[in-house]
Amino acid sequence: MAEKVAKLGVKREPGFLYFLRGTDVWKAPMKRAGGPSAAGKAEKVAAGGFNRSEGYLYFLDSNGDVSRAKRLVGGQKRKKKAKLKAAPKKAAKKAVKKAAPKKAAKKAAKKKGKKK
């Protein structure tokens, strides 16, 4: 599970997104549909003053303290897609290409016959 790294006791306000930038806690107004952009309006809430280690995910927990959890590596394995043989595709494409000019020739012959 998670272990506490720094006890800050940050009080959260509704409508704000809290995040870590380095070891400091920042807050930014949440973007709302149709509202103005919230870019560049983040402000520093608290200084963390702890050292970060590789392989851990740092976050602000429900008590307003900074906690960390062991980062999981990998994820779900994907199934490999079966490769189809290329030869049948090429043969099918050649058959379609040969059939297309015959149809065009038949249509042209019908048009000439109708005009007379």
PDB file of N, CA and C in Angstrom:
ATOM      1  N   MET A   1       0.830  -1.189   0.000  1.00  0.00           N
ATOM      2  CA  MET A   1       0.000   0.000   0.000  1.00  0.00           C
ATOM      3  C   MET A   1       0.874   1.253   0.000  1.00  0.00           C
ATOM      4  N   ALA A   2       0.273   2.345   0.429  1.00  0.00           N
ATOM      5  CA  ALA A   2       0.976   3.633   0.399  1.00  0.00           C
ATOM      6  C   ALA A   2       1.568   3.962   1.767  1.00  0.00           C
ATOM      7  N   GLU A   3       2.635   4.726   1.729  1.00  0.00           N
ATOM      8  CA  GLU A   3       3.261   5.199   2.961  1.00  0.00           C
ATOM      9  C   GLU A   3       3.355   6.711   2.916  1.00  0.00           C
ATOM     10  N   LYS A   4       3.157   7.348   4.070  1.00  0.00           N
ATOM     11  CA  LYS A   4       3.221   8.812   4.153  1.00  0.00           C
ATOM     12  C   LYS A   4       4.673   9.266   4.064  1.00  0.00           C
ATOM     13  N   VAL A   5       4.879  10.322   3.285  1.00  0.00           N
ATOM     14  CA  VAL A   5       6.224  10.872   3.108  1.00  0.00           C
ATOM     15  C   VAL A   5       6.340  12.208   3.843  1.00  0.00           C
ATOM     16  N   ALA A   6       5.311  13.049   3.705  1.00  0.00           N
ATOM     17  CA  ALA A   6       5.325  14.363   4.359  1.00  0.00           C
ATOM     18  C   ALA A   6       3.923  14.691   4.859  1.00  0.00           C
ATOM     19  N   LYS A   7       3.813  15.117   6.113  1.00  0.00           N
ATOM     20  CA  LYS A   7       2.516  15.490   6.677  1.00  0.00           C
ATOM     21  C   LYS A   7       2.338  16.993   6.498  1.00  0.00           C
ATOM     22  N   LEU A   8       1.491  17.353   5.536  1.00  0.00           N
ATOM     23  CA  LEU A   8       1.276  18.773   5.222  1.00  0.00           C
ATOM     24  C   LEU A   8      -0.092  19.267   5.677  1.00  0.00           C
ATOM     25  N   GLY A   9      -1.094  18.401   5.687  1.00  0.00           N
ATOM     26  CA  GLY A   9      -2.437  18.788   6.103  1.00  0.00           C
ATOM     27  C   GLY A   9      -3.078  19.826   5.208  1.00  0.00           C
ATOM     28  N   VAL A  10      -2.942  19.692   3.908  1.00  0.00           N
ATOM     29  CA  VAL A  10      -3.509  20.647   2.938  1.00  0.00           C
ATOM     30  C   VAL A  10      -5.033  20.518   2.942  1.00  0.00           C
ATOM     31  N   LYS A  11      -5.728  21.627   3.134  1.00  0.00           N
ATOM     32  CA  LYS A  11      -7.195  21.653   3.086  1.00  0.00           C
ATOM     33  C   LYS A  11      -7.611  21.891   1.644  1.00  0.00           C
ATOM     34  N   ARG A  12      -8.413  20.999   1.123  1.00  0.00           N
ATOM     35  CA  ARG A  12      -8.838  21.101  -0.281  1.00  0.00           C
ATOM     36  C   ARG A  12     -10.077  21.963  -0.417  1.00  0.00           C
ATOM     37  N   GLU A  13     -10.112  22.741  -1.489  1.00  0.00           N
ATOM     38  CA  GLU A  13     -11.273  23.562  -1.821  1.00  0.00           C
ATOM     39  C   GLU A  13     -11.954  22.937  -3.034  1.00  0.00           C
ATOM     40  N   PRO A  14     -13.286  22.964  -3.067  1.00  0.00           N
ATOM     41  CA  PRO A  14     -13.963  22.402  -4.250  1.00  0.00           C
ATOM     42  C   PRO A  14     -13.675  23.252  -5.495  1.00  0.00           C
ATOM     43  N   GLY A  15     -13.564  22.591  -6.631  1.00  0.00           N
ATOM     44  CA  GLY A  15     -13.323  23.282  -7.889  1.00  0.00           C
ATOM     45  C   GLY A  15     -11.857  23.468  -8.222  1.00  0.00           C
ATOM     46  N   PHE A  16     -10.972  22.892  -7.429  1.00  0.00           N
ATOM     47  CA  PHE A  16      -9.536  22.995  -7.678  1.00  0.00           C
ATOM     48  C   PHE A  16      -8.922  21.614  -7.841  1.00  0.00           C
ATOM     49  N   LEU A  17      -7.907  21.537  -8.668  1.00  0.00           N
ATOM     50  CA  LEU A  17      -7.142  20.319  -8.895  1.00  0.00           C
ATOM     51  C   LEU A  17      -5.816  20.472  -8.165  1.00  0.00           C
ATOM     52  N   TYR A  18      -5.486  19.505  -7.314  1.00  0.00           N
ATOM     53  CA  TYR A  18      -4.250  19.542  -6.535  1.00  0.00           C
ATOM     54  C   TYR A  18      -3.258  18.541  -7.119  1.00  0.00           C
ATOM     55  N   PHE A  19      -2.003  18.959  -7.250  1.00  0.00           N
ATOM     56  CA  PHE A  19      -0.987  18.090  -7.843  1.00  0.00           C
ATOM     57  C   PHE A  19       0.380  18.430  -7.273  1.00  0.00           C
ATOM     58  N   LEU A  20       1.347  17.534  -7.520  1.00  0.00           N
ATOM     59  CA  LEU A  20       2.725  17.725  -7.069  1.00  0.00           C
ATOM     60  C   LEU A  20       3.571  18.169  -8.235  1.00  0.00           C
ATOM     61  N   ARG A  21       4.377  19.171  -8.006  1.00  0.00           N
ATOM     62  CA  ARG A  21       5.372  19.623  -8.984  1.00  0.00           C
ATOM     63  C   ARG A  21       6.694  19.614  -8.225  1.00  0.00           C
ATOM     64  N   GLY A  22       7.493  18.576  -8.495  1.00  0.00           N
ATOM     65  CA  GLY A  22       8.693  18.364  -7.693  1.00  0.00           C
ATOM     66  C   GLY A  22       8.269  17.845  -6.333  1.00  0.00           C
ATOM     67  N   THR A  23       8.565  18.572  -5.277  1.00  0.00           N
ATOM     68  CA  THR A  23       8.112  18.174  -3.941  1.00  0.00           C
ATOM     69  C   THR A  23       7.077  19.137  -3.388  1.00  0.00           C
ATOM     70  N   ASP A  24       6.688  20.136  -4.155  1.00  0.00           N
ATOM     71  CA  ASP A  24       5.720  21.139  -3.712  1.00  0.00           C
ATOM     72  C   ASP A  24       4.311  20.773  -4.159  1.00  0.00           C
ATOM     73  N   VAL A  25       3.321  21.178  -3.371  1.00  0.00           N
ATOM     74  CA  VAL A  25       1.916  20.952  -3.703  1.00  0.00           C
ATOM     75  C   VAL A  25       1.365  22.218  -4.343  1.00  0.00           C
ATOM     76  N   TRP A  26       0.720  22.058  -5.492  1.00  0.00           N
ATOM     77  CA  TRP A  26       0.140  23.178  -6.241  1.00  0.00           C
ATOM     78  C   TRP A  26      -1.351  22.929  -6.436  1.00  0.00           C
ATOM     79  N   LYS A  27      -2.079  24.017  -6.687  1.00  0.00           N
ATOM     80  CA  LYS A  27      -3.498  23.883  -7.027  1.00  0.00           C
ATOM     81  C   LYS A  27      -3.799  24.759  -8.236  1.00  0.00           C
ATOM     82  N   ALA A  28      -4.745  24.295  -9.043  1.00  0.00           N
ATOM     83  CA  ALA A  28      -5.163  25.031 -10.239  1.00  0.00           C
ATOM     84  C   ALA A  28      -6.679  24.887 -10.362  1.00  0.00           C
ATOM     85  N   PRO A  29      -7.366  25.918 -10.844  1.00  0.00           N
ATOM     86  CA  PRO A  29      -8.817  25.793 -11.027  1.00  0.00           C
ATOM     87  C   PRO A  29      -9.135  24.773 -12.109  1.00  0.00           C
ATOM     88  N   MET A  30     -10.195  23.992 -11.876  1.00  0.00           N
ATOM     89  CA  MET A  30     -10.584  22.976 -12.858  1.00  0.00           C
ATOM     90  C   MET A  30     -11.211  23.645 -14.068  1.00  0.00           C
ATOM     91  N   LYS A  31     -10.943  23.083 -15.225  1.00  0.00           N
ATOM     92  CA  LYS A  31     -11.511  23.581 -16.476  1.00  0.00           C
ATOM     93  C   LYS A  31     -12.960  23.135 -16.549  1.00  0.00           C
ATOM     94  N   ARG A  32     -13.837  24.038 -16.872  1.00  0.00           N
ATOM     95  CA  ARG A  32     -15.259  23.736 -17.022  1.00  0.00           C
ATOM     96  C   ARG A  32     -15.665  23.924 -18.474  1.00  0.00           C
ATOM     97  N   ALA A  33     -16.633  23.143 -18.916  1.00  0.00           N
ATOM     98  CA  ALA A  33     -17.100  23.221 -20.297  1.00  0.00           C
ATOM     99  C   ALA A  33     -17.662  24.602 -20.579  1.00  0.00           C
ATOM    100  N   GLY A  34     -17.169  25.231 -21.627  1.00  0.00           N
ATOM    101  CA  GLY A  34     -17.654  26.544 -22.028  1.00  0.00           C
ATOM    102  C   GLY A  34     -17.070  27.691 -21.223  1.00  0.00           C
ATOM    103  N   GLY A  35     -16.261  27.376 -20.238  1.00  0.00           N
ATOM    104  CA  GLY A  35     -15.687  28.419 -19.398  1.00  0.00           C
ATOM    105  C   GLY A  35     -14.335  28.873 -19.908  1.00  0.00           C
ATOM    106  N   PRO A  36     -13.743  29.850 -19.247  1.00  0.00           N
ATOM    107  CA  PRO A  36     -12.426  30.332 -19.673  1.00  0.00           C
ATOM    108  C   PRO A  36     -11.341  29.306 -19.369  1.00  0.00           C
ATOM    109  N   SER A  37     -10.220  29.415 -20.043  1.00  0.00           N
ATOM    110  CA  SER A  37      -9.105  28.507 -19.844  1.00  0.00           C
ATOM    111  C   SER A  37      -8.475  28.738 -18.476  1.00  0.00           C
ATOM    112  N   ALA A  38      -8.042  27.643 -17.833  1.00  0.00           N
ATOM    113  CA  ALA A  38      -7.417  27.737 -16.517  1.00  0.00           C
ATOM    114  C   ALA A  38      -5.905  27.617 -16.630  1.00  0.00           C
ATOM    115  N   ALA A  39      -5.370  27.730 -17.821  1.00  0.00           N
ATOM    116  CA  ALA A  39      -3.931  27.560 -18.030  1.00  0.00           C
ATOM    117  C   ALA A  39      -3.167  28.718 -17.398  1.00  0.00           C
ATOM    118  N   GLY A  40      -2.083  28.399 -16.714  1.00  0.00           N
ATOM    119  CA  GLY A  40      -1.215  29.416 -16.138  1.00  0.00           C
ATOM    120  C   GLY A  40      -1.709  30.042 -14.849  1.00  0.00           C
ATOM    121  N   LYS A  41      -2.776  29.507 -14.259  1.00  0.00           N
ATOM    122  CA  LYS A  41      -3.325  30.100 -13.040  1.00  0.00           C
ATOM    123  C   LYS A  41      -3.039  29.244 -11.805  1.00  0.00           C
ATOM    124  N   ALA A  42      -2.052  28.355 -11.877  1.00  0.00           N
ATOM    125  CA  ALA A  42      -1.719  27.495 -10.741  1.00  0.00           C
ATOM    126  C   ALA A  42      -0.976  28.300  -9.680  1.00  0.00           C
ATOM    127  N   GLU A  43      -1.221  27.942  -8.431  1.00  0.00           N
ATOM    128  CA  GLU A  43      -0.522  28.617  -7.336  1.00  0.00           C
ATOM    129  C   GLU A  43      -0.013  27.571  -6.344  1.00  0.00           C
ATOM    130  N   LYS A  44       1.115  27.877  -5.724  1.00  0.00           N
ATOM    131  CA  LYS A  44       1.756  26.977  -4.785  1.00  0.00           C
ATOM    132  C   LYS A  44       1.008  27.012  -3.451  1.00  0.00           C
ATOM    133  N   VAL A  45       0.683  25.812  -2.922  1.00  0.00           N
ATOM    134  CA  VAL A  45      -0.070  25.719  -1.679  1.00  0.00           C
ATOM    135  C   VAL A  45       0.861  25.420  -0.504  1.00  0.00           C
ATOM    136  N   ALA A  46       1.787  24.457  -0.708  1.00  0.00           N
ATOM    137  CA  ALA A  46       2.683  24.068   0.387  1.00  0.00           C
ATOM    138  C   ALA A  46       3.992  23.549  -0.168  1.00  0.00           C
ATOM    139  N   ALA A  47       5.066  23.711   0.610  1.00  0.00           N
ATOM    140  CA  ALA A  47       6.372  23.167   0.228  1.00  0.00           C
ATOM    141  C   ALA A  47       6.523  21.803   0.875  1.00  0.00           C
ATOM    142  N   GLY A  48       6.918  20.808   0.075  1.00  0.00           N
ATOM    143  CA  GLY A  48       7.020  19.437   0.580  1.00  0.00           C
ATOM    144  C   GLY A  48       8.263  19.210   1.407  1.00  0.00           C
ATOM    145  N   GLY A  49       9.424  19.504   0.860  1.00  0.00           N
ATOM    146  CA  GLY A  49      10.670  19.352   1.584  1.00  0.00           C
ATOM    147  C   GLY A  49      11.059  17.904   1.839  1.00  0.00           C
ATOM    148  N   PHE A  50      10.798  17.007   0.910  1.00  0.00           N
ATOM    149  CA  PHE A  50      11.198  15.604   1.047  1.00  0.00           C
ATOM    150  C   PHE A  50      11.990  15.198  -0.181  1.00  0.00           C
ATOM    151  N   ASN A  51      12.653  14.063  -0.117  1.00  0.00           N
ATOM    152  CA  ASN A  51      13.418  13.556  -1.261  1.00  0.00           C
ATOM    153  C   ASN A  51      12.603  12.502  -1.997  1.00  0.00           C
ATOM    154  N   ARG A  52      12.577  12.613  -3.325  1.00  0.00           N
ATOM    155  CA  ARG A  52      11.860  11.635  -4.146  1.00  0.00           C
ATOM    156  C   ARG A  52      12.794  10.504  -4.529  1.00  0.00           C
ATOM    157  N   SER A  53      12.253   9.288  -4.619  1.00  0.00           N
ATOM    158  CA  SER A  53      13.022   8.102  -5.007  1.00  0.00           C
ATOM    159  C   SER A  53      12.473   7.543  -6.302  1.00  0.00           C
ATOM    160  N   GLU A  54      13.348   6.900  -7.083  1.00  0.00           N
ATOM    161  CA  GLU A  54      12.927   6.249  -8.330  1.00  0.00           C
ATOM    162  C   GLU A  54      12.019   5.066  -8.010  1.00  0.00           C
ATOM    163  N   GLY A  55      11.059   4.810  -8.886  1.00  0.00           N
ATOM    164  CA  GLY A  55      10.204   3.638  -8.738  1.00  0.00           C
ATOM    165  C   GLY A  55       8.996   3.837  -7.847  1.00  0.00           C
ATOM    166  N   TYR A  56       8.695   5.080  -7.456  1.00  0.00           N
ATOM    167  CA  TYR A  56       7.534   5.351  -6.619  1.00  0.00           C
ATOM    168  C   TYR A  56       6.643   6.391  -7.268  1.00  0.00           C
ATOM    169  N   LEU A  57       5.349   6.278  -7.001  1.00  0.00           N
ATOM    170  CA  LEU A  57       4.348   7.232  -7.469  1.00  0.00           C
ATOM    171  C   LEU A  57       3.949   8.093  -6.268  1.00  0.00           C
ATOM    172  N   TYR A  58       4.121   9.403  -6.379  1.00  0.00           N
ATOM    173  CA  TYR A  58       3.820  10.336  -5.287  1.00  0.00           C
ATOM    174  C   TYR A  58       2.489  11.020  -5.558  1.00  0.00           C
ATOM    175  N   PHE A  59       1.666  11.159  -4.511  1.00  0.00           N
ATOM    176  CA  PHE A  59       0.337  11.758  -4.669  1.00  0.00           C
ATOM    177  C   PHE A  59      -0.095  12.408  -3.369  1.00  0.00           C
ATOM    178  N   LEU A  60      -1.142  13.228  -3.459  1.00  0.00           N
ATOM    179  CA  LEU A  60      -1.735  13.893  -2.294  1.00  0.00           C
ATOM    180  C   LEU A  60      -2.894  13.019  -1.819  1.00  0.00           C
ATOM    181  N   ASP A  61      -2.807  12.484  -0.604  1.00  0.00           N
ATOM    182  CA  ASP A  61      -3.846  11.558  -0.134  1.00  0.00           C
ATOM    183  C   ASP A  61      -5.060  12.306   0.422  1.00  0.00           C
ATOM    184  N   SER A  62      -6.020  11.554   0.946  1.00  0.00           N
ATOM    185  CA  SER A  62      -7.280  12.148   1.394  1.00  0.00           C
ATOM    186  C   SER A  62      -7.114  13.049   2.620  1.00  0.00           C
ATOM    187  N   ASN A  63      -6.029  12.890   3.382  1.00  0.00           N
ATOM    188  CA  ASN A  63      -5.779  13.743   4.547  1.00  0.00           C
ATOM    189  C   ASN A  63      -5.019  15.015   4.193  1.00  0.00           C
ATOM    190  N   GLY A  64      -4.640  15.176   2.943  1.00  0.00           N
ATOM    191  CA  GLY A  64      -3.882  16.346   2.522  1.00  0.00           C
ATOM    192  C   GLY A  64      -2.388  16.179   2.737  1.00  0.00           C
ATOM    193  N   ASP A  65      -1.940  14.946   2.941  1.00  0.00           N
ATOM    194  CA  ASP A  65      -0.522  14.654   3.117  1.00  0.00           C
ATOM    195  C   ASP A  65       0.033  14.017   1.845  1.00  0.00           C
ATOM    196  N   VAL A  66       1.351  14.112   1.663  1.00  0.00           N
ATOM    197  CA  VAL A  66       1.984  13.492   0.500  1.00  0.00           C
ATOM    198  C   VAL A  66       2.311  12.049   0.852  1.00  0.00           C
ATOM    199  N   SER A  67       1.856  11.133   0.006  1.00  0.00           N
ATOM    200  CA  SER A  67       2.118   9.706   0.188  1.00  0.00           C
ATOM    201  C   SER A  67       2.769   9.161  -1.069  1.00  0.00           C
ATOM    202  N   ARG A  68       3.315   7.952  -0.952  1.00  0.00           N
ATOM    203  CA  ARG A  68       3.909   7.312  -2.123  1.00  0.00           C
ATOM    204  C   ARG A  68       3.535   5.837  -2.136  1.00  0.00           C
ATOM    205  N   ALA A  69       3.481   5.287  -3.344  1.00  0.00           N
ATOM    206  CA  ALA A  69       3.186   3.871  -3.538  1.00  0.00           C
ATOM    207  C   ALA A  69       4.176   3.321  -4.549  1.00  0.00           C
ATOM    208  N   LYS A  70       4.500   2.059  -4.420  1.00  0.00           N
ATOM    209  CA  LYS A  70       5.433   1.411  -5.337  1.00  0.00           C
ATOM    210  C   LYS A  70       4.820   1.433  -6.729  1.00  0.00           C
ATOM    211  N   ARG A  71       5.593   1.896  -7.712  1.00  0.00           N
ATOM    212  CA  ARG A  71       5.107   1.990  -9.086  1.00  0.00           C
ATOM    213  C   ARG A  71       5.103   0.603  -9.711  1.00  0.00           C
ATOM    214  N   LEU A  72       3.985   0.237 -10.307  1.00  0.00           N
ATOM    215  CA  LEU A  72       3.873  -1.048 -10.986  1.00  0.00           C
ATOM    216  C   LEU A  72       4.439  -0.925 -12.386  1.00  0.00           C
ATOM    217  N   VAL A  73       5.177  -1.912 -12.800  1.00  0.00           N
ATOM    218  CA  VAL A  73       5.794  -1.893 -14.117  1.00  0.00           C
ATOM    219  C   VAL A  73       5.151  -2.976 -14.960  1.00  0.00           C
ATOM    220  N   GLY A  74       4.890  -2.664 -16.200  1.00  0.00           N
ATOM    221  CA  GLY A  74       4.391  -3.688 -17.119  1.00  0.00           C
ATOM    222  C   GLY A  74       2.982  -3.409 -17.552  1.00  0.00           C
ATOM    223  N   GLY A  75       2.030  -3.925 -16.837  1.00  0.00           N
ATOM    224  CA  GLY A  75       0.643  -3.798 -17.248  1.00  0.00           C
ATOM    225  C   GLY A  75       0.170  -5.089 -17.869  1.00  0.00           C
ATOM    226  N   GLN A  76      -0.949  -5.054 -18.526  1.00  0.00           N
ATOM    227  CA  GLN A  76      -1.525  -6.255 -19.121  1.00  0.00           C
ATOM    228  C   GLN A  76      -0.808  -6.590 -20.419  1.00  0.00           C
ATOM    229  N   LYS A  77      -0.497  -7.855 -20.605  1.00  0.00           N
ATOM    230  CA  LYS A  77       0.173  -8.304 -21.817  1.00  0.00           C
ATOM    231  C   LYS A  77      -0.831  -8.336 -22.956  1.00  0.00           C
ATOM    232  N   ARG A  78      -0.371  -7.951 -24.131  1.00  0.00           N
ATOM    233  CA  ARG A  78      -1.227  -7.928 -25.322  1.00  0.00           C
ATOM    234  C   ARG A  78      -1.046  -9.210 -26.110  1.00  0.00           C
ATOM    235  N   LYS A  79      -2.131  -9.655 -26.734  1.00  0.00           N
ATOM    236  CA  LYS A  79      -2.041 -10.820 -27.601  1.00  0.00           C
ATOM    237  C   LYS A  79      -1.438 -10.401 -28.926  1.00  0.00           C
ATOM    238  N   LYS A  80      -0.578 -11.268 -29.485  1.00  0.00           N
ATOM    239  CA  LYS A  80       0.019 -10.969 -30.782  1.00  0.00           C
ATOM    240  C   LYS A  80      -0.992 -11.295 -31.862  1.00  0.00           C
ATOM    241  N   LYS A  81      -1.115 -10.397 -32.840  1.00  0.00           N
ATOM    242  CA  LYS A  81      -2.045 -10.608 -33.942  1.00  0.00           C
ATOM    243  C   LYS A  81      -1.442 -11.626 -34.902  1.00  0.00           C
ATOM    244  N   ALA A  82      -2.274 -12.538 -35.383  1.00  0.00           N
ATOM    245  CA  ALA A  82      -1.813 -13.545 -36.332  1.00  0.00           C
ATOM    246  C   ALA A  82      -1.578 -12.887 -37.678  1.00  0.00           C
ATOM    247  N   LYS A  83      -0.418 -13.152 -38.263  1.00  0.00           N
ATOM    248  CA  LYS A  83      -0.104 -12.559 -39.554  1.00  0.00           C
ATOM    249  C   LYS A  83      -0.779 -13.372 -40.657  1.00  0.00           C
ATOM    250  N   LEU A  84      -1.463 -12.701 -41.551  1.00  0.00           N
ATOM    251  CA  LEU A  84      -2.113 -13.352 -42.672  1.00  0.00           C
ATOM    252  C   LEU A  84      -1.114 -13.559 -43.792  1.00  0.00           C
ATOM    253  N   LYS A  85      -1.332 -14.610 -44.569  1.00  0.00           N
ATOM    254  CA  LYS A  85      -0.441 -14.875 -45.691  1.00  0.00           C
ATOM    255  C   LYS A  85      -0.642 -13.809 -46.759  1.00  0.00           C
ATOM    256  N   ALA A  86       0.443 -13.309 -47.316  1.00  0.00           N
ATOM    257  CA  ALA A  86       0.377 -12.229 -48.294  1.00  0.00           C
ATOM    258  C   ALA A  86      -0.019 -12.736 -49.674  1.00  0.00           C
ATOM    259  N   ALA A  87       0.247 -13.977 -50.006  1.00  0.00           N
ATOM    260  CA  ALA A  87      -0.016 -14.517 -51.344  1.00  0.00           C
ATOM    261  C   ALA A  87      -1.493 -14.471 -51.716  1.00  0.00           C
ATOM    262  N   PRO A  88      -2.431 -14.902 -50.868  1.00  0.00           N
ATOM    263  CA  PRO A  88      -3.840 -14.838 -51.267  1.00  0.00           C
ATOM    264  C   PRO A  88      -4.331 -13.413 -51.505  1.00  0.00           C
ATOM    265  N   LYS A  89      -3.819 -12.454 -50.752  1.00  0.00           N
ATOM    266  CA  LYS A  89      -4.236 -11.066 -50.954  1.00  0.00           C
ATOM    267  C   LYS A  89      -3.808 -10.567 -52.324  1.00  0.00           C
ATOM    268  N   LYS A  90      -2.581 -10.884 -52.729  1.00  0.00           N
ATOM    269  CA  LYS A  90      -2.090 -10.426 -54.016  1.00  0.00           C
ATOM    270  C   LYS A  90      -2.891 -11.056 -55.147  1.00  0.00           C
ATOM    271  N   ALA A  91      -3.223 -12.323 -55.012  1.00  0.00           N
ATOM    272  CA  ALA A  91      -3.996 -12.998 -56.052  1.00  0.00           C
ATOM    273  C   ALA A  91      -5.386 -12.381 -56.162  1.00  0.00           C
ATOM    274  N   ALA A  92      -5.992 -12.061 -55.032  1.00  0.00           N
ATOM    275  CA  ALA A  92      -7.317 -11.457 -55.043  1.00  0.00           C
ATOM    276  C   ALA A  92      -7.271 -10.074 -55.676  1.00  0.00           C
ATOM    277  N   LYS A  93      -6.226  -9.299 -55.394  1.00  0.00           N
ATOM    278  CA  LYS A  93      -6.105  -7.968 -55.975  1.00  0.00           C
ATOM    279  C   LYS A  93      -5.933  -8.046 -57.489  1.00  0.00           C
ATOM    280  N   LYS A  94      -5.148  -9.014 -57.961  1.00  0.00           N
ATOM    281  CA  LYS A  94      -4.946  -9.167 -59.399  1.00  0.00           C
ATOM    282  C   LYS A  94      -6.253  -9.529 -60.079  1.00  0.00           C
ATOM    283  N   ALA A  95      -7.037 -10.394 -59.454  1.00  0.00           N
ATOM    284  CA  ALA A  95      -8.307 -10.799 -60.039  1.00  0.00           C
ATOM    285  C   ALA A  95      -9.251  -9.605 -60.143  1.00  0.00           C
ATOM    286  N   VAL A  96      -9.267  -8.759 -59.139  1.00  0.00           N
ATOM    287  CA  VAL A  96     -10.135  -7.585 -59.152  1.00  0.00           C
ATOM    288  C   VAL A  96      -9.678  -6.602 -60.224  1.00  0.00           C
ATOM    289  N   LYS A  97      -8.375  -6.418 -60.362  1.00  0.00           N
ATOM    290  CA  LYS A  97      -7.862  -5.485 -61.359  1.00  0.00           C
ATOM    291  C   LYS A  97      -8.171  -5.976 -62.778  1.00  0.00           C
ATOM    292  N   LYS A  98      -8.102  -7.271 -63.009  1.00  0.00           N
ATOM    293  CA  LYS A  98      -8.392  -7.805 -64.342  1.00  0.00           C
ATOM    294  C   LYS A  98      -9.881  -7.718 -64.653  1.00  0.00           C
ATOM    295  N   ALA A  99     -10.725  -7.883 -63.653  1.00  0.00           N
ATOM    296  CA  ALA A  99     -12.165  -7.861 -63.875  1.00  0.00           C
ATOM    297  C   ALA A  99     -12.652  -6.441 -64.147  1.00  0.00           C
ATOM    298  N   ALA A 100     -12.044  -5.466 -63.568  1.00  0.00           N
ATOM    299  CA  ALA A 100     -12.503  -4.089 -63.708  1.00  0.00           C
ATOM    300  C   ALA A 100     -12.457  -3.596 -65.157  1.00  0.00           C
ATOM    301  N   PRO A 101     -11.402  -3.808 -65.948  1.00  0.00           N
ATOM    302  CA  PRO A 101     -11.409  -3.327 -67.327  1.00  0.00           C
ATOM    303  C   PRO A 101     -12.484  -3.994 -68.185  1.00  0.00           C
ATOM    304  N   LYS A 102     -12.800  -5.256 -67.923  1.00  0.00           N
ATOM    305  CA  LYS A 102     -13.844  -5.937 -68.695  1.00  0.00           C
ATOM    306  C   LYS A 102     -15.196  -5.282 -68.455  1.00  0.00           C
ATOM    307  N   LYS A 103     -15.484  -4.936 -67.206  1.00  0.00           N
ATOM    308  CA  LYS A 103     -16.755  -4.280 -66.890  1.00  0.00           C
ATOM    309  C   LYS A 103     -16.831  -2.918 -67.568  1.00  0.00           C
ATOM    310  N   ALA A 104     -15.743  -2.204 -67.579  1.00  0.00           N
ATOM    311  CA  ALA A 104     -15.728  -0.886 -68.212  1.00  0.00           C
ATOM    312  C   ALA A 104     -15.943  -1.022 -69.716  1.00  0.00           C
ATOM    313  N   ALA A 105     -15.368  -2.048 -70.316  1.00  0.00           N
ATOM    314  CA  ALA A 105     -15.537  -2.267 -71.751  1.00  0.00           C
ATOM    315  C   ALA A 105     -16.983  -2.628 -72.070  1.00  0.00           C
ATOM    316  N   LYS A 106     -17.621  -3.423 -71.224  1.00  0.00           N
ATOM    317  CA  LYS A 106     -19.019  -3.802 -71.446  1.00  0.00           C
ATOM    318  C   LYS A 106     -19.934  -2.586 -71.342  1.00  0.00           C
ATOM    319  N   LYS A 107     -19.660  -1.716 -70.358  1.00  0.00           N
ATOM    320  CA  LYS A 107     -20.473  -0.514 -70.194  1.00  0.00           C
ATOM    321  C   LYS A 107     -20.326   0.398 -71.401  1.00  0.00           C
ATOM    322  N   ALA A 108     -19.130   0.518 -71.924  1.00  0.00           N
ATOM    323  CA  ALA A 108     -18.901   1.365 -73.095  1.00  0.00           C
ATOM    324  C   ALA A 108     -19.629   0.799 -74.308  1.00  0.00           C
ATOM    325  N   ALA A 109     -19.619  -0.517 -74.444  1.00  0.00           N
ATOM    326  CA  ALA A 109     -20.309  -1.157 -75.576  1.00  0.00           C
ATOM    327  C   ALA A 109     -21.815  -0.950 -75.475  1.00  0.00           C
ATOM    328  N   LYS A 110     -22.374  -1.009 -74.273  1.00  0.00           N
ATOM    329  CA  LYS A 110     -23.800  -0.803 -74.099  1.00  0.00           C
ATOM    330  C   LYS A 110     -24.195   0.628 -74.439  1.00  0.00           C
ATOM    331  N   LYS A 111     -23.350   1.599 -74.042  1.00  0.00           N
ATOM    332  CA  LYS A 111     -23.642   3.000 -74.338  1.00  0.00           C
ATOM    333  C   LYS A 111     -23.648   3.251 -75.838  1.00  0.00           C
ATOM    334  N   LYS A 112     -22.696   2.644 -76.542  1.00  0.00           N
ATOM    335  CA  LYS A 112     -22.631   2.832 -78.001  1.00  0.00           C
ATOM    336  C   LYS A 112     -23.866   2.231 -78.665  1.00  0.00           C
ATOM    337  N   GLY A 113     -24.321   1.093 -78.162  1.00  0.00           N
ATOM    338  CA  GLY A 113     -25.498   0.435 -78.720  1.00  0.00           C
ATOM    339  C   GLY A 113     -26.756   1.232 -78.490  1.00  0.00           C
ATOM    340  N   LYS A 114     -26.886   1.920 -77.387  1.00  0.00           N
ATOM    341  CA  LYS A 114     -28.078   2.689 -77.066  1.00  0.00           C
ATOM    342  C   LYS A 114     -28.163   3.956 -77.912  1.00  0.00           C
ATOM    343  N   LYS A 115     -27.040   4.555 -78.280  1.00  0.00           N
ATOM    344  CA  LYS A 115     -27.061   5.807 -79.036  1.00  0.00           C
ATOM    345  C   LYS A 115     -27.585   5.588 -80.454  1.00  0.00           C
ATOM    346  N   LYS A 116     -27.374   4.429 -81.017  1.00  0.00           N
ATOM    347  CA  LYS A 116     -27.798   4.179 -82.406  1.00  0.00           C
ATOM    348  C   LYS A 116     -29.226   3.931 -82.517  1.00  0.00           C
TER     349      LYS A 116
END
